[in-house]
């Protein structure tokens, strides 16, 4: 299945102020764990979010001081700092999980969910969610791989991917993107979209999922509906891998995004 004309049009920028294209906040983790969040933040910038702020704890700020220069940084040490940042910085969407650390994700996740903003939950945030069982909403996207899915939904773990994604989305009241060679994406109403990525085996590399998280979160910040954001991101993610081909590492995916957007126009 290819992207429809309306969604392809939505992916293109058409004027406006940077805040019209959304401000994405990417929550990062402790010192030495920042690579995943930086990949997500860079992908958010490349997919067109007007601004992206990386939010590590103060102790990790130094490791995020390099490129890209367009990426903003703001320390967030706990839930009070996060709530202050959300109220002061005109945030449009939040990504939490990549490289965050389970303890930090557990501490910050309630404030993230209380914000009512569109959110992307991946990696450590999914582990925290599996333990806390906090209520979700329709503007949240979960992106588990099969192992994370089994921790979140042990009673659905044996189901085929398509059925598992639909059942999980209905239960959580959120969009669920179940990663795999054939990615299943479902919303709470039971709508299902499938992206077949079996022709992009180079995606099986460290950090690939963090780039996907940043793509989805960047599109959420731009105001694209959660199901469409997940669907478009899966399409662009695989197209970037196919375009680069053998030898791909996650950083290469980010650099392919502009060309994919031009080809999608």
Protein backbone atom coordinates (compact mmCIF):
# COMPACT_ATOMS: atom_id res chain seq x y z
CA UNK A 1 0.00 0.00 0.00
CA UNK A 2 1.35 3.47 -0.91
CA UNK A 3 0.63 6.83 0.69
CA UNK A 4 -2.51 8.49 -0.59
CA UNK A 5 -2.38 11.88 -2.31
CA UNK A 6 -3.76 13.81 0.67
CA UNK A 7 -1.13 12.43 3.03
CA UNK A 8 1.67 13.05 0.52
CA UNK A 9 0.50 16.65 0.34
CA UNK A 10 0.44 16.93 4.14
CA UNK A 11 4.09 15.86 4.28
CA UNK A 12 5.15 18.93 2.29
CA UNK A 13 5.68 22.28 4.02
CA UNK A 14 3.71 25.21 2.69
CA UNK A 15 4.89 28.42 4.36
CA UNK A 16 4.18 29.55 7.88
CA UNK A 17 6.22 30.29 11.00
CA UNK A 18 8.40 27.60 12.57
CA UNK A 19 5.87 27.19 15.38
CA UNK A 20 3.20 26.49 12.76
CA UNK A 21 5.12 23.28 12.03
CA UNK A 22 5.28 22.23 15.67
CA UNK A 23 7.78 22.04 18.50
CA UNK A 24 8.85 18.50 19.39
CA UNK A 25 10.31 17.64 22.80
CA UNK A 26 12.49 14.51 22.87
CA UNK A 27 13.26 13.27 26.38
CA UNK A 28 16.79 11.91 26.67
CA UNK A 29 18.47 9.78 29.32
CA UNK A 30 21.49 9.66 31.60
CA UNK A 31 25.11 10.25 30.53
CA UNK A 32 26.25 7.65 28.04
CA UNK A 33 22.71 6.87 26.86
CA UNK A 34 22.12 9.84 24.58
CA UNK A 35 22.60 8.36 21.12
CA UNK A 36 19.09 6.98 20.75
CA UNK A 37 17.42 10.26 21.70
CA UNK A 38 19.69 12.21 19.36
CA UNK A 39 18.76 9.93 16.48
CA UNK A 40 15.08 10.49 17.24
CA UNK A 41 15.57 14.25 17.54
CA UNK A 42 17.47 14.47 14.25
CA UNK A 43 14.75 12.48 12.50
CA UNK A 44 12.14 14.83 13.95
CA UNK A 45 14.00 17.80 12.47
CA UNK A 46 14.42 16.15 9.08
CA UNK A 47 10.75 15.19 8.80
CA UNK A 48 9.81 18.83 9.19
CA UNK A 49 9.08 19.70 12.81
CA UNK A 50 9.59 23.45 13.13
CA UNK A 51 11.66 23.10 16.29
CA UNK A 52 13.07 20.16 18.23
CA UNK A 53 14.31 20.33 21.80
CA UNK A 54 16.32 17.52 23.38
CA UNK A 55 15.67 17.21 27.13
CA UNK A 56 18.34 15.22 29.01
CA UNK A 57 19.05 15.44 32.73
CA UNK A 58 21.43 18.28 33.58
CA UNK A 59 24.23 15.77 34.17
CA UNK A 60 24.05 14.69 30.52
CA UNK A 61 23.87 18.10 28.85
CA UNK A 62 27.56 18.12 27.87
CA UNK A 63 27.32 15.03 25.67
CA UNK A 64 24.55 16.65 23.61
CA UNK A 65 26.55 19.81 22.86
CA UNK A 66 27.58 18.85 19.32
CA UNK A 67 25.78 18.86 16.02
CA UNK A 68 23.23 19.41 14.68
CA UNK A 69 23.32 23.07 15.62
CA UNK A 70 19.60 23.36 14.79
CA UNK A 71 18.74 21.09 17.71
CA UNK A 72 17.90 22.88 20.97
CA UNK A 73 18.76 21.49 24.39
CA UNK A 74 17.03 22.03 27.73
CA UNK A 75 17.77 20.12 30.97
CA UNK A 76 14.92 18.18 32.57
CA UNK A 77 15.79 16.45 35.84
CA UNK A 78 12.34 15.40 37.01
CA UNK A 79 8.60 15.78 36.59
CA UNK A 80 8.48 19.40 37.89
CA UNK A 81 11.10 20.43 35.31
CA UNK A 82 9.18 18.63 32.59
CA UNK A 83 5.89 20.29 33.47
CA UNK A 84 7.62 23.68 33.47
CA UNK A 85 9.16 23.00 30.06
CA UNK A 86 5.83 21.92 28.60
CA UNK A 87 4.11 25.08 29.80
CA UNK A 88 6.89 27.51 28.83
CA UNK A 89 8.19 26.22 25.49
CA UNK A 90 5.05 25.86 23.33
CA UNK A 91 5.56 22.13 22.90
CA UNK A 92 3.34 20.43 20.31
CA UNK A 93 4.35 16.77 20.82
CA UNK A 94 6.57 14.61 23.03
CA UNK A 95 8.76 11.58 22.35
CA UNK A 96 9.81 9.48 25.34
CA UNK A 97 11.60 6.16 25.51
CA UNK A 98 14.64 6.01 23.21
CA UNK A 99 17.70 5.92 25.47
CA UNK A 100 15.65 7.30 28.35
CA UNK A 101 16.26 4.59 30.94
CA UNK A 102 13.43 2.73 32.63
CA UNK A 103 13.66 4.56 35.97
CA UNK A 104 13.63 7.97 34.29
CA UNK A 105 10.78 6.97 31.98
CA UNK A 106 8.80 5.70 34.97
CA UNK A 107 9.30 9.01 36.80
CA UNK A 108 8.40 11.22 33.82
CA UNK A 109 5.68 9.22 32.09
CA UNK A 110 2.78 10.46 34.29
CA UNK A 111 3.67 14.08 33.49
CA UNK A 112 3.94 13.23 29.80
CA UNK A 113 0.51 11.63 29.76
CA UNK A 114 -1.04 14.38 31.90
CA UNK A 115 -0.01 16.94 29.27
CA UNK A 116 -2.75 15.82 26.82
CA UNK A 117 -0.25 16.44 23.98
CA UNK A 118 0.34 13.96 21.16
CA UNK A 119 3.00 11.52 22.34
CA UNK A 120 5.27 8.83 20.97
CA UNK A 121 6.10 6.04 23.45
CA UNK A 122 8.87 3.60 22.60
CA UNK A 123 11.57 1.46 24.22
CA UNK A 124 12.01 2.26 27.93
CA UNK A 125 8.70 4.15 28.04
CA UNK A 126 6.94 0.95 26.96
CA UNK A 127 8.67 -0.98 29.73
CA UNK A 128 7.55 1.68 32.22
CA UNK A 129 4.03 1.57 30.82
CA UNK A 130 3.87 -2.22 31.16
CA UNK A 131 4.58 -1.87 34.88
CA UNK A 132 2.45 1.20 35.61
CA UNK A 133 -0.60 0.55 33.38
CA UNK A 134 -1.40 4.26 33.05
CA UNK A 135 -4.44 5.32 31.00
CA UNK A 136 -3.73 6.41 27.43
CA UNK A 137 -5.60 8.37 24.76
CA UNK A 138 -6.15 8.42 21.01
CA UNK A 139 -3.32 10.89 20.23
CA UNK A 140 -0.64 8.55 21.58
CA UNK A 141 1.40 6.17 19.41
CA UNK A 142 3.06 3.07 20.85
CA UNK A 143 5.82 1.42 18.80
CA UNK A 144 6.66 -1.95 20.38
CA UNK A 145 8.70 -4.73 18.86
CA UNK A 146 7.50 -8.25 19.58
CA UNK A 147 9.32 -8.53 22.92
CA UNK A 148 7.93 -5.24 24.22
CA UNK A 149 4.50 -6.15 22.90
CA UNK A 150 4.55 -9.42 24.87
CA UNK A 151 5.30 -7.53 28.09
CA UNK A 152 2.51 -5.05 27.44
CA UNK A 153 -0.06 -7.53 26.15
CA UNK A 154 0.82 -11.06 27.28
CA UNK A 155 -2.67 -12.31 26.42
CA UNK A 156 -2.29 -11.08 22.80
CA UNK A 157 1.32 -12.20 22.33
CA UNK A 158 0.45 -15.41 20.48
CA UNK A 159 -1.86 -13.70 17.98
CA UNK A 160 -0.78 -12.95 14.40
CA UNK A 161 0.64 -9.43 14.08
CA UNK A 162 -2.38 -7.89 12.40
CA UNK A 163 -4.87 -9.21 14.91
CA UNK A 164 -2.54 -8.45 17.82
CA UNK A 165 -2.14 -4.80 16.80
CA UNK A 166 -5.90 -4.28 16.41
CA UNK A 167 -6.69 -5.84 19.79
CA UNK A 168 -3.95 -3.87 21.55
CA UNK A 169 -5.04 -0.55 20.04
CA UNK A 170 -8.63 -1.14 21.10
CA UNK A 171 -7.59 -2.01 24.64
CA UNK A 172 -5.23 0.95 25.09
CA UNK A 173 -7.31 3.54 23.25
CA UNK A 174 -4.15 4.53 21.35
CA UNK A 175 -2.44 3.84 18.05
CA UNK A 176 -0.21 0.75 18.10
CA UNK A 177 2.55 0.20 15.56
CA UNK A 178 3.80 -3.37 15.95
CA UNK A 179 7.28 -3.51 14.42
CA UNK A 180 8.32 -6.39 12.22
CA UNK A 181 9.14 -7.27 8.61
CA UNK A 182 5.43 -6.64 8.03
CA UNK A 183 4.58 -3.69 10.27
CA UNK A 184 0.99 -3.63 11.55
CA UNK A 185 -0.48 -0.26 12.53
CA UNK A 186 -3.90 -0.02 14.19
CA UNK A 187 -6.01 2.67 15.83
CA UNK A 188 -8.60 2.34 18.61
CA UNK A 189 -11.46 2.16 16.09
CA UNK A 190 -10.02 -0.98 14.51
CA UNK A 191 -8.56 0.63 11.39
CA UNK A 192 -5.54 -1.39 10.28
CA UNK A 193 -2.74 -0.47 7.91
CA UNK A 194 0.10 -2.75 6.89
CA UNK A 195 3.55 -1.80 5.70
CA UNK A 196 5.55 -4.61 4.17
CA UNK A 197 9.22 -3.89 4.81
CA UNK A 198 10.59 -7.28 3.89
CA UNK A 199 12.43 -5.69 0.97
CA UNK A 200 14.36 -3.44 3.40
CA UNK A 201 16.38 -5.92 5.51
CA UNK A 202 19.00 -3.23 6.23
CA UNK A 203 16.60 -1.80 8.85
CA UNK A 204 17.75 -4.58 11.19
CA UNK A 205 20.42 -2.38 12.77
CA UNK A 206 20.88 -0.62 16.11
CA UNK A 207 19.10 2.73 16.29
CA UNK A 208 16.74 2.10 13.39
CA UNK A 209 13.73 2.08 15.70
CA UNK A 210 14.86 5.35 17.29
CA UNK A 211 14.79 7.00 13.88
CA UNK A 212 11.27 5.65 13.32
CA UNK A 213 10.22 7.10 16.68
CA UNK A 214 11.57 10.51 15.70
CA UNK A 215 9.79 10.40 12.35
CA UNK A 216 6.46 9.64 13.99
CA UNK A 217 6.94 12.22 16.74
CA UNK A 218 7.98 14.90 14.26
CA UNK A 219 4.84 14.29 12.22
CA UNK A 220 2.73 14.40 15.38
CA UNK A 221 4.29 17.78 16.20
CA UNK A 222 3.32 18.97 12.73
CA UNK A 223 -0.31 18.15 13.48
CA UNK A 224 -0.65 14.99 11.39
CA UNK A 225 -3.16 12.51 12.81
CA UNK A 226 -1.58 9.68 14.84
CA UNK A 227 -2.53 6.82 12.51
CA UNK A 228 -1.37 8.78 9.46
CA UNK A 229 1.83 9.84 11.24
CA UNK A 230 2.71 6.24 12.07
CA UNK A 231 1.80 5.03 8.58
CA UNK A 232 3.76 7.75 6.77
CA UNK A 233 6.77 7.29 9.06
CA UNK A 234 6.86 3.53 8.41
CA UNK A 235 6.75 4.21 4.66
CA UNK A 236 9.53 6.83 4.77
CA UNK A 237 11.65 4.73 7.15
CA UNK A 238 11.65 1.73 4.80
CA UNK A 239 12.11 3.90 1.71
CA UNK A 240 15.20 5.48 3.28
CA UNK A 241 16.65 2.03 3.97
CA UNK A 242 15.99 0.86 0.42
CA UNK A 243 17.53 4.01 -0.99
CA UNK A 244 20.78 3.58 0.98
CA UNK A 245 20.98 -0.21 0.81
CA UNK A 246 23.82 -2.40 2.10
CA UNK A 247 26.05 -1.02 4.83
CA UNK A 248 23.25 1.08 6.34
CA UNK A 249 23.55 2.36 9.90
CA UNK A 250 20.85 4.33 11.66
CA UNK A 251 22.55 7.69 11.08
CA UNK A 252 22.30 7.04 7.33
CA UNK A 253 18.51 6.76 7.57
CA UNK A 254 18.22 10.31 8.86
CA UNK A 255 20.26 11.69 5.96
CA UNK A 256 18.04 9.98 3.37
CA UNK A 257 14.85 11.66 4.61
CA UNK A 258 15.07 14.86 2.49
CA UNK A 259 15.43 12.85 -0.72
CA UNK A 260 12.49 10.64 0.22
CA UNK A 261 10.35 13.71 0.90
CA UNK A 262 11.27 15.13 -2.51
CA UNK A 263 10.36 11.83 -4.16
CA UNK A 264 7.06 11.73 -2.24
CA UNK A 265 6.00 15.22 -3.35
